[in-house]
Amino acid sequence: MRFSPAQKRYNRTILLLSSAYAVLLVGAVYLLSRHLVSGPLAYVIGVLPALPVTGFFLAMGRYLFDESDEYLRVLQVRQLLVATGVMLAASTIWGFLEGFALVPHVVAYTWPILWLGGLLLGACVNRLTLRGRE
């Protein structure tokens, strides 16, 4: 299957953001775990790895806007809906269990990571749905 121009741009953007995320995360962990920075600079460095993750969401929105093929857009929307449903259900269930002190606290950045994993599940749903149609 050939990629549309919007998919190519999206893939490039995600690769660049993923690289930036890895570099910023390693740098932040190194600096902050060794207490090499403090004060306002520590907050800035702590936020830096979140920026590429935020960029992932913006890139997905841009892809939906840029994609001219309605069918490809519908597949992406379904994938996003599966990911969102998985993440919202899991965070709600965990939140109740955590509120009742039945499970340990999970840091908030876990939920976008789960959402990104849900994209993979959404891609599998798309694949299974398309299996008999190709």
C-alpha atoms as a PDB file:
ATOM      1  CA  MET A   1       0.000   0.000   0.000  1.00  0.00           C
ATOM      2  CA  ARG A   2       1.345   3.416  -0.948  1.00  0.00           C
ATOM      3  CA  PHE A   3       1.307   6.244   1.546  1.00  0.00           C
ATOM      4  CA  SER A   4      -0.631   9.400   0.821  1.00  0.00           C
ATOM      5  CA  PRO A   5       1.275  12.718   1.031  1.00  0.00           C
ATOM      6  CA  ALA A   6      -0.460  13.412   4.366  1.00  0.00           C
ATOM      7  CA  GLN A   7       0.635  10.005   5.724  1.00  0.00           C
ATOM      8  CA  LYS A   8       4.238  10.636   4.625  1.00  0.00           C
ATOM      9  CA  ARG A   9       4.256  14.019   6.366  1.00  0.00           C
ATOM     10  CA  TYR A  10       2.665  12.481   9.477  1.00  0.00           C
ATOM     11  CA  ASN A  11       5.214   9.638   9.587  1.00  0.00           C
ATOM     12  CA  ARG A  12       8.132  12.065   9.235  1.00  0.00           C
ATOM     13  CA  THR A  13       6.725  14.274  11.974  1.00  0.00           C
ATOM     14  CA  ILE A  14       6.198  11.330  14.350  1.00  0.00           C
ATOM     15  CA  LEU A  15       9.745  10.061  13.737  1.00  0.00           C
ATOM     16  CA  LEU A  16      11.199  13.494  14.471  1.00  0.00           C
ATOM     17  CA  LEU A  17       9.047  13.909  17.584  1.00  0.00           C
ATOM     18  CA  SER A  18       9.961  10.404  18.792  1.00  0.00           C
ATOM     19  CA  SER A  19      13.661  11.197  18.412  1.00  0.00           C
ATOM     20  CA  ALA A  20      13.236  14.497  20.242  1.00  0.00           C
ATOM     21  CA  TYR A  21      11.306  12.715  23.002  1.00  0.00           C
ATOM     22  CA  ALA A  22      14.059  10.121  23.492  1.00  0.00           C
ATOM     23  CA  VAL A  23      16.809  12.737  23.660  1.00  0.00           C
ATOM     24  CA  LEU A  24      14.865  15.048  25.979  1.00  0.00           C
ATOM     25  CA  LEU A  25      13.771  12.210  28.261  1.00  0.00           C
ATOM     26  CA  VAL A  26      17.284  10.817  28.646  1.00  0.00           C
ATOM     27  CA  GLY A  27      18.620  14.313  29.299  1.00  0.00           C
ATOM     28  CA  ALA A  28      15.923  15.144  31.834  1.00  0.00           C
ATOM     29  CA  VAL A  29      16.326  11.851  33.688  1.00  0.00           C
ATOM     30  CA  TYR A  30      20.095  12.324  33.802  1.00  0.00           C
ATOM     31  CA  LEU A  31      19.978  15.912  35.030  1.00  0.00           C
ATOM     32  CA  LEU A  32      17.073  15.601  37.455  1.00  0.00           C
ATOM     33  CA  SER A  33      17.920  12.210  38.979  1.00  0.00           C
ATOM     34  CA  ARG A  34      21.410  13.501  39.812  1.00  0.00           C
ATOM     35  CA  HIS A  35      20.038  16.813  41.135  1.00  0.00           C
ATOM     36  CA  LEU A  36      22.270  18.749  38.721  1.00  0.00           C
ATOM     37  CA  VAL A  37      19.613  21.450  38.275  1.00  0.00           C
ATOM     38  CA  SER A  38      17.135  23.013  40.644  1.00  0.00           C
ATOM     39  CA  GLY A  39      14.619  25.788  40.907  1.00  0.00           C
ATOM     40  CA  PRO A  40      12.717  27.023  37.857  1.00  0.00           C
ATOM     41  CA  LEU A  41      15.202  25.402  35.461  1.00  0.00           C
ATOM     42  CA  ALA A  42      14.336  21.977  36.914  1.00  0.00           C
ATOM     43  CA  TYR A  43      10.670  22.594  36.064  1.00  0.00           C
ATOM     44  CA  VAL A  44      11.571  23.609  32.525  1.00  0.00           C
ATOM     45  CA  ILE A  45      13.700  20.505  32.073  1.00  0.00           C
ATOM     46  CA  GLY A  46      10.961  18.356  33.631  1.00  0.00           C
ATOM     47  CA  VAL A  47       8.447  19.639  31.082  1.00  0.00           C
ATOM     48  CA  LEU A  48      10.675  19.253  28.015  1.00  0.00           C
ATOM     49  CA  PRO A  49       9.979  15.515  27.402  1.00  0.00           C
ATOM     50  CA  ALA A  50       6.238  16.230  27.484  1.00  0.00           C
ATOM     51  CA  LEU A  51       6.446  18.650  24.567  1.00  0.00           C
ATOM     52  CA  PRO A  52       7.125  16.041  21.840  1.00  0.00           C
ATOM     53  CA  VAL A  53       4.343  13.859  23.291  1.00  0.00           C
ATOM     54  CA  THR A  54       2.010  16.826  22.996  1.00  0.00           C
ATOM     55  CA  GLY A  55       3.308  17.185  19.459  1.00  0.00           C
ATOM     56  CA  PHE A  56       2.104  13.631  18.735  1.00  0.00           C
ATOM     57  CA  PHE A  57      -1.463  14.712  19.426  1.00  0.00           C
ATOM     58  CA  LEU A  58      -1.108  17.825  17.310  1.00  0.00           C
ATOM     59  CA  ALA A  59       0.401  15.782  14.471  1.00  0.00           C
ATOM     60  CA  MET A  60      -2.558  13.399  14.551  1.00  0.00           C
ATOM     61  CA  GLY A  61      -4.977  16.300  14.373  1.00  0.00           C
ATOM     62  CA  ARG A  62      -3.040  17.803  11.491  1.00  0.00           C
ATOM     63  CA  TYR A  63      -3.068  14.467   9.691  1.00  0.00           C
ATOM     64  CA  LEU A  64      -6.859  14.298   9.940  1.00  0.00           C
ATOM     65  CA  PHE A  65      -7.090  17.829   8.575  1.00  0.00           C
ATOM     66  CA  ASP A  66      -4.571  17.221   5.756  1.00  0.00           C
ATOM     67  CA  GLU A  67      -5.737  13.767   4.622  1.00  0.00           C
ATOM     68  CA  SER A  68      -7.829  14.183   1.476  1.00  0.00           C
ATOM     69  CA  ASP A  69      -8.837  10.512   1.262  1.00  0.00           C
ATOM     70  CA  GLU A  70     -12.026  10.159   3.304  1.00  0.00           C
ATOM     71  CA  TYR A  71     -11.575   6.415   3.735  1.00  0.00           C
ATOM     72  CA  LEU A  72      -8.073   6.816   5.201  1.00  0.00           C
ATOM     73  CA  ARG A  73      -9.410   9.560   7.465  1.00  0.00           C
ATOM     74  CA  VAL A  74     -12.169   7.248   8.750  1.00  0.00           C
ATOM     75  CA  LEU A  75      -9.624   4.517   9.488  1.00  0.00           C
ATOM     76  CA  GLN A  76      -7.514   6.976  11.469  1.00  0.00           C
ATOM     77  CA  VAL A  77     -10.530   8.260  13.385  1.00  0.00           C
ATOM     78  CA  ARG A  78     -11.495   4.689  14.307  1.00  0.00           C
ATOM     79  CA  GLN A  79      -7.947   4.030  15.475  1.00  0.00           C
ATOM     80  CA  LEU A  80      -8.013   7.203  17.590  1.00  0.00           C
ATOM     81  CA  LEU A  81     -11.406   6.268  19.059  1.00  0.00           C
ATOM     82  CA  VAL A  82     -10.194   2.796  20.064  1.00  0.00           C
ATOM     83  CA  ALA A  83      -7.109   4.310  21.716  1.00  0.00           C
ATOM     84  CA  THR A  84      -9.176   6.920  23.515  1.00  0.00           C
ATOM     85  CA  GLY A  85     -11.703   4.352  24.727  1.00  0.00           C
ATOM     86  CA  VAL A  86      -8.981   2.054  26.042  1.00  0.00           C
ATOM     87  CA  MET A  87      -7.202   4.890  27.835  1.00  0.00           C
ATOM     88  CA  LEU A  88     -10.340   6.417  29.324  1.00  0.00           C
ATOM     89  CA  ALA A  89     -11.682   3.059  30.513  1.00  0.00           C
ATOM     90  CA  ALA A  90      -8.345   2.021  32.019  1.00  0.00           C
ATOM     91  CA  SER A  91      -7.746   5.366  33.743  1.00  0.00           C
ATOM     92  CA  THR A  92     -11.292   5.415  35.139  1.00  0.00           C
ATOM     93  CA  ILE A  93     -11.052   1.867  36.478  1.00  0.00           C
ATOM     94  CA  TRP A  94      -7.578   2.499  37.904  1.00  0.00           C
ATOM     95  CA  GLY A  95      -8.735   5.794  39.403  1.00  0.00           C
ATOM     96  CA  PHE A  96     -11.542   4.113  41.301  1.00  0.00           C
ATOM     97  CA  LEU A  97      -9.290   1.310  42.496  1.00  0.00           C
ATOM     98  CA  GLU A  98      -6.653   3.842  43.527  1.00  0.00           C
ATOM     99  CA  GLY A  99      -9.290   5.939  45.293  1.00  0.00           C
ATOM    100  CA  PHE A 100     -10.285   2.885  47.328  1.00  0.00           C
ATOM    101  CA  ALA A 101      -6.571   2.234  48.114  1.00  0.00           C
ATOM    102  CA  LEU A 102      -6.663  -1.126  46.309  1.00  0.00           C
ATOM    103  CA  VAL A 103      -3.854  -0.391  43.835  1.00  0.00           C
ATOM    104  CA  PRO A 104      -0.784   1.853  43.979  1.00  0.00           C
ATOM    105  CA  HIS A 105      -0.649   5.358  42.524  1.00  0.00           C
ATOM    106  CA  VAL A 106       0.257   5.561  38.839  1.00  0.00           C
ATOM    107  CA  VAL A 107       1.955   8.691  37.545  1.00  0.00           C
ATOM    108  CA  ALA A 108      -0.144  10.735  35.133  1.00  0.00           C
ATOM    109  CA  TYR A 109       2.165  10.348  32.131  1.00  0.00           C
ATOM    110  CA  THR A 110       1.269   6.659  32.101  1.00  0.00           C
ATOM    111  CA  TRP A 111      -2.109   7.417  30.513  1.00  0.00           C
ATOM    112  CA  PRO A 112      -0.827   8.985  27.263  1.00  0.00           C
ATOM    113  CA  ILE A 113       1.588   6.064  26.964  1.00  0.00           C
ATOM    114  CA  LEU A 114      -1.366   3.695  27.296  1.00  0.00           C
ATOM    115  CA  TRP A 115      -3.232   5.790  24.720  1.00  0.00           C
ATOM    116  CA  LEU A 116      -0.346   5.428  22.270  1.00  0.00           C
ATOM    117  CA  GLY A 117      -0.482   1.663  22.880  1.00  0.00           C
ATOM    118  CA  GLY A 118      -4.209   1.846  22.191  1.00  0.00           C
ATOM    119  CA  LEU A 119      -3.356   3.213  18.743  1.00  0.00           C
ATOM    120  CA  LEU A 120      -1.700  -0.123  18.042  1.00  0.00           C
ATOM    121  CA  LEU A 121      -4.846  -1.924  19.152  1.00  0.00           C
ATOM    122  CA  GLY A 122      -6.876   0.419  16.913  1.00  0.00           C
ATOM    123  CA  ALA A 123      -4.604  -0.433  13.990  1.00  0.00           C
ATOM    124  CA  CYS A 124      -5.250  -4.130  14.681  1.00  0.00           C
ATOM    125  CA  VAL A 125      -9.013  -3.478  14.720  1.00  0.00           C
ATOM    126  CA  ASN A 126      -8.680  -1.732  11.355  1.00  0.00           C
ATOM    127  CA  ARG A 127      -6.625  -4.622   9.979  1.00  0.00           C
ATOM    128  CA  LEU A 128      -9.151  -7.229  11.142  1.00  0.00           C
ATOM    129  CA  THR A 129     -12.051  -5.200   9.784  1.00  0.00           C
ATOM    130  CA  LEU A 130     -10.368  -4.884   6.393  1.00  0.00           C
ATOM    131  CA  ARG A 131      -9.221  -8.506   6.151  1.00  0.00           C
ATOM    132  CA  GLY A 132     -12.070  -9.702   3.935  1.00  0.00           C
ATOM    133  CA  ARG A 133     -12.321  -6.522   1.873  1.00  0.00           C
ATOM    134  CA  GLU A 134      -8.892  -6.374   0.233  1.00  0.00           C
END
